[in-house]
Amino acid sequence: MNGNRRGFTLIELLVVIGILAILSIVVILVINPTELLKQARDSSRVSDLATINSALNLYVVDNSSGSLGTASTTLYIHT
């Protein structure tokens, strides 16, 4: 009754799981998803600042008598 049994041994399964774990760690370290997210946020902020700059330039061109403030204006920033 001990015929041809085919299957994987525990050692083979552990070796495969170990190799997959090592490969996944290497991929995560190479791709570095947190850095990609930081770069995406930075590019979004740069784009938003360019949009604000364009809007302010249009305001200044359209309203030559308009004022954007003086050099002695105090700006309070809360972080």
N, C-alpha and C. Protein backbone atom coordinates (compact mmCIF):
# COMPACT_ATOMS: atom_id res chain seq x y z
N MET A 1 0.79 -1.18 0.00
CA MET A 1 0.00 0.00 0.00
C MET A 1 0.84 1.26 0.00
N ASN A 2 2.09 1.12 -0.12
CA ASN A 2 3.02 2.25 -0.09
C ASN A 2 3.40 2.61 -1.52
N GLY A 3 2.43 2.90 -2.36
CA GLY A 3 2.65 3.13 -3.78
C GLY A 3 3.39 4.43 -4.07
N ASN A 4 3.24 4.88 -5.29
CA ASN A 4 3.89 6.13 -5.71
C ASN A 4 3.14 7.33 -5.16
N ARG A 5 3.63 7.90 -4.07
CA ARG A 5 3.03 9.11 -3.50
C ARG A 5 3.86 10.28 -3.97
N ARG A 6 3.19 11.20 -4.58
CA ARG A 6 3.90 12.39 -5.06
C ARG A 6 3.45 13.59 -4.25
N GLY A 7 4.39 14.41 -3.89
CA GLY A 7 4.10 15.61 -3.11
C GLY A 7 5.39 16.27 -2.69
N PHE A 8 5.24 17.34 -2.00
CA PHE A 8 6.42 18.09 -1.55
C PHE A 8 6.69 17.76 -0.09
N THR A 9 7.94 17.70 0.24
CA THR A 9 8.31 17.49 1.63
C THR A 9 8.32 18.83 2.35
N LEU A 10 8.34 18.78 3.65
CA LEU A 10 8.34 20.00 4.46
C LEU A 10 9.58 20.84 4.17
N ILE A 11 10.70 20.19 3.99
CA ILE A 11 11.96 20.90 3.71
C ILE A 11 11.84 21.67 2.39
N GLU A 12 11.28 21.03 1.37
CA GLU A 12 11.14 21.70 0.07
C GLU A 12 10.22 22.91 0.19
N LEU A 13 9.14 22.77 0.91
CA LEU A 13 8.23 23.90 1.10
C LEU A 13 8.89 25.05 1.86
N LEU A 14 9.64 24.72 2.90
CA LEU A 14 10.33 25.76 3.67
C LEU A 14 11.39 26.47 2.83
N VAL A 15 12.09 25.75 1.98
CA VAL A 15 13.10 26.36 1.10
C VAL A 15 12.42 27.33 0.13
N VAL A 16 11.31 26.91 -0.45
CA VAL A 16 10.60 27.78 -1.39
C VAL A 16 10.07 29.02 -0.69
N ILE A 17 9.50 28.86 0.49
CA ILE A 17 8.99 30.01 1.25
C ILE A 17 10.14 30.95 1.62
N GLY A 18 11.28 30.41 1.99
CA GLY A 18 12.44 31.23 2.30
C GLY A 18 12.92 32.01 1.10
N ILE A 19 12.98 31.38 -0.06
CA ILE A 19 13.42 32.06 -1.28
C ILE A 19 12.44 33.17 -1.63
N LEU A 20 11.14 32.89 -1.52
CA LEU A 20 10.13 33.93 -1.81
C LEU A 20 10.25 35.10 -0.84
N ALA A 21 10.50 34.83 0.42
CA ALA A 21 10.65 35.89 1.40
C ALA A 21 11.86 36.76 1.08
N ILE A 22 12.97 36.14 0.73
CA ILE A 22 14.18 36.90 0.37
C ILE A 22 13.94 37.75 -0.86
N LEU A 23 13.30 37.17 -1.88
CA LEU A 23 13.02 37.94 -3.10
C LEU A 23 12.08 39.10 -2.83
N SER A 24 11.07 38.89 -2.00
CA SER A 24 10.14 39.99 -1.71
C SER A 24 10.82 41.10 -0.92
N ILE A 25 11.70 40.76 -0.01
CA ILE A 25 12.44 41.78 0.74
C ILE A 25 13.34 42.58 -0.19
N VAL A 26 14.01 41.90 -1.11
CA VAL A 26 14.88 42.60 -2.06
C VAL A 26 14.07 43.54 -2.95
N VAL A 27 12.91 43.08 -3.41
CA VAL A 27 12.07 43.93 -4.26
C VAL A 27 11.59 45.14 -3.49
N ILE A 28 11.18 44.97 -2.25
CA ILE A 28 10.71 46.10 -1.44
C ILE A 28 11.85 47.09 -1.20
N LEU A 29 13.05 46.60 -0.94
CA LEU A 29 14.17 47.51 -0.71
C LEU A 29 14.57 48.25 -1.98
N VAL A 30 14.46 47.61 -3.12
CA VAL A 30 14.84 48.24 -4.38
C VAL A 30 13.80 49.27 -4.79
N ILE A 31 12.51 48.91 -4.70
CA ILE A 31 11.44 49.82 -5.13
C ILE A 31 11.28 50.97 -4.14
N ASN A 32 11.40 50.72 -2.86
CA ASN A 32 11.28 51.72 -1.80
C ASN A 32 9.99 52.53 -1.95
N PRO A 33 8.86 51.95 -1.62
CA PRO A 33 7.58 52.62 -1.85
C PRO A 33 7.41 53.93 -1.08
N THR A 34 8.01 54.06 0.08
CA THR A 34 7.86 55.31 0.83
C THR A 34 8.52 56.47 0.09
N GLU A 35 9.65 56.22 -0.55
CA GLU A 35 10.32 57.27 -1.32
C GLU A 35 9.49 57.65 -2.54
N LEU A 36 8.86 56.66 -3.18
CA LEU A 36 8.00 56.96 -4.32
C LEU A 36 6.82 57.81 -3.90
N LEU A 37 6.24 57.53 -2.73
CA LEU A 37 5.13 58.34 -2.23
C LEU A 37 5.58 59.76 -1.91
N LYS A 38 6.78 59.90 -1.34
CA LYS A 38 7.31 61.23 -1.05
C LYS A 38 7.50 62.03 -2.33
N GLN A 39 8.04 61.38 -3.35
CA GLN A 39 8.26 62.06 -4.63
C GLN A 39 6.94 62.46 -5.26
N ALA A 40 5.93 61.62 -5.14
CA ALA A 40 4.62 61.95 -5.71
C ALA A 40 4.01 63.15 -4.99
N ARG A 41 4.13 63.19 -3.66
CA ARG A 41 3.61 64.34 -2.92
C ARG A 41 4.37 65.61 -3.27
N ASP A 42 5.69 65.50 -3.40
CA ASP A 42 6.49 66.67 -3.75
C ASP A 42 6.12 67.21 -5.12
N SER A 43 5.94 66.34 -6.09
CA SER A 43 5.59 66.81 -7.43
C SER A 43 4.20 67.44 -7.42
N SER A 44 3.30 66.92 -6.60
CA SER A 44 1.97 67.51 -6.47
C SER A 44 2.07 68.91 -5.86
N ARG A 45 2.91 69.08 -4.86
CA ARG A 45 3.08 70.39 -4.23
C ARG A 45 3.70 71.39 -5.21
N VAL A 46 4.67 70.95 -5.98
CA VAL A 46 5.30 71.84 -6.96
C VAL A 46 4.27 72.27 -8.01
N SER A 47 3.44 71.35 -8.43
CA SER A 47 2.39 71.66 -9.40
C SER A 47 1.39 72.65 -8.81
N ASP A 48 1.01 72.45 -7.55
CA ASP A 48 0.08 73.37 -6.90
C ASP A 48 0.69 74.77 -6.76
N LEU A 49 1.96 74.85 -6.42
CA LEU A 49 2.62 76.15 -6.31
C LEU A 49 2.71 76.85 -7.66
N ALA A 50 2.94 76.09 -8.72
CA ALA A 50 2.97 76.68 -10.06
C ALA A 50 1.60 77.22 -10.43
N THR A 51 0.54 76.53 -10.05
CA THR A 51 -0.82 76.99 -10.32
C THR A 51 -1.12 78.28 -9.55
N ILE A 52 -0.72 78.33 -8.30
CA ILE A 52 -0.91 79.55 -7.49
C ILE A 52 -0.13 80.70 -8.08
N ASN A 53 1.11 80.44 -8.49
CA ASN A 53 1.94 81.49 -9.09
C ASN A 53 1.30 82.02 -10.37
N SER A 54 0.78 81.13 -11.18
CA SER A 54 0.11 81.54 -12.42
C SER A 54 -1.12 82.37 -12.12
N ALA A 55 -1.90 81.98 -11.13
CA ALA A 55 -3.10 82.74 -10.76
C ALA A 55 -2.74 84.13 -10.25
N LEU A 56 -1.68 84.21 -9.44
CA LEU A 56 -1.26 85.54 -8.94
C LEU A 56 -0.74 86.42 -10.08
N ASN A 57 -0.01 85.83 -11.02
CA ASN A 57 0.46 86.61 -12.15
C ASN A 57 -0.71 87.14 -12.99
N LEU A 58 -1.73 86.31 -13.19
CA LEU A 58 -2.91 86.76 -13.92
C LEU A 58 -3.63 87.88 -13.17
N TYR A 59 -3.69 87.78 -11.86
CA TYR A 59 -4.33 88.83 -11.06
C TYR A 59 -3.58 90.15 -11.20
N VAL A 60 -2.26 90.10 -11.12
CA VAL A 60 -1.45 91.31 -11.22
C VAL A 60 -1.61 91.95 -12.60
N VAL A 61 -1.66 91.13 -13.65
CA VAL A 61 -1.80 91.65 -15.01
C VAL A 61 -3.19 92.27 -15.20
N ASP A 62 -4.23 91.61 -14.70
CA ASP A 62 -5.59 92.09 -14.89
C ASP A 62 -5.94 93.27 -14.00
N ASN A 63 -5.37 93.32 -12.82
CA ASN A 63 -5.67 94.39 -11.86
C ASN A 63 -4.39 95.13 -11.51
N SER A 64 -4.01 96.06 -12.38
CA SER A 64 -2.75 96.76 -12.14
C SER A 64 -2.81 97.63 -10.90
N SER A 65 -4.01 98.04 -10.48
CA SER A 65 -4.12 98.85 -9.27
C SER A 65 -4.27 97.98 -8.02
N GLY A 66 -4.40 96.69 -8.19
CA GLY A 66 -4.55 95.78 -7.05
C GLY A 66 -3.25 95.65 -6.28
N SER A 67 -3.35 95.26 -5.03
CA SER A 67 -2.18 95.13 -4.17
C SER A 67 -2.10 93.73 -3.60
N LEU A 68 -0.91 93.22 -3.54
CA LEU A 68 -0.66 91.92 -2.93
C LEU A 68 -0.05 92.06 -1.53
N GLY A 69 0.00 93.29 -1.03
CA GLY A 69 0.57 93.53 0.29
C GLY A 69 1.83 94.36 0.19
N THR A 70 2.39 94.67 1.32
CA THR A 70 3.61 95.46 1.37
C THR A 70 4.73 94.62 1.98
N ALA A 71 5.93 95.12 1.85
CA ALA A 71 7.08 94.40 2.37
C ALA A 71 7.07 94.35 3.90
N SER A 72 6.38 95.28 4.54
CA SER A 72 6.36 95.31 6.00
C SER A 72 5.22 94.48 6.58
N THR A 73 4.48 93.78 5.74
CA THR A 73 3.38 92.95 6.21
C THR A 73 3.92 91.78 7.02
N THR A 74 3.31 91.51 8.16
CA THR A 74 3.71 90.40 9.02
C THR A 74 2.88 89.18 8.66
N LEU A 75 3.54 88.08 8.51
CA LEU A 75 2.87 86.82 8.17
C LEU A 75 3.03 85.87 9.34
N TYR A 76 1.93 85.38 9.84
CA TYR A 76 1.95 84.43 10.94
C TYR A 76 1.65 83.04 10.39
N ILE A 77 2.50 82.10 10.71
CA ILE A 77 2.34 80.73 10.23
C ILE A 77 2.21 79.81 11.43
N HIS A 78 1.19 79.00 11.43
CA HIS A 78 0.97 78.05 12.52
C HIS A 78 1.26 76.65 11.99
N THR A 79 2.13 75.93 12.68
CA THR A 79 2.45 74.56 12.24
C THR A 79 1.97 73.56 13.24
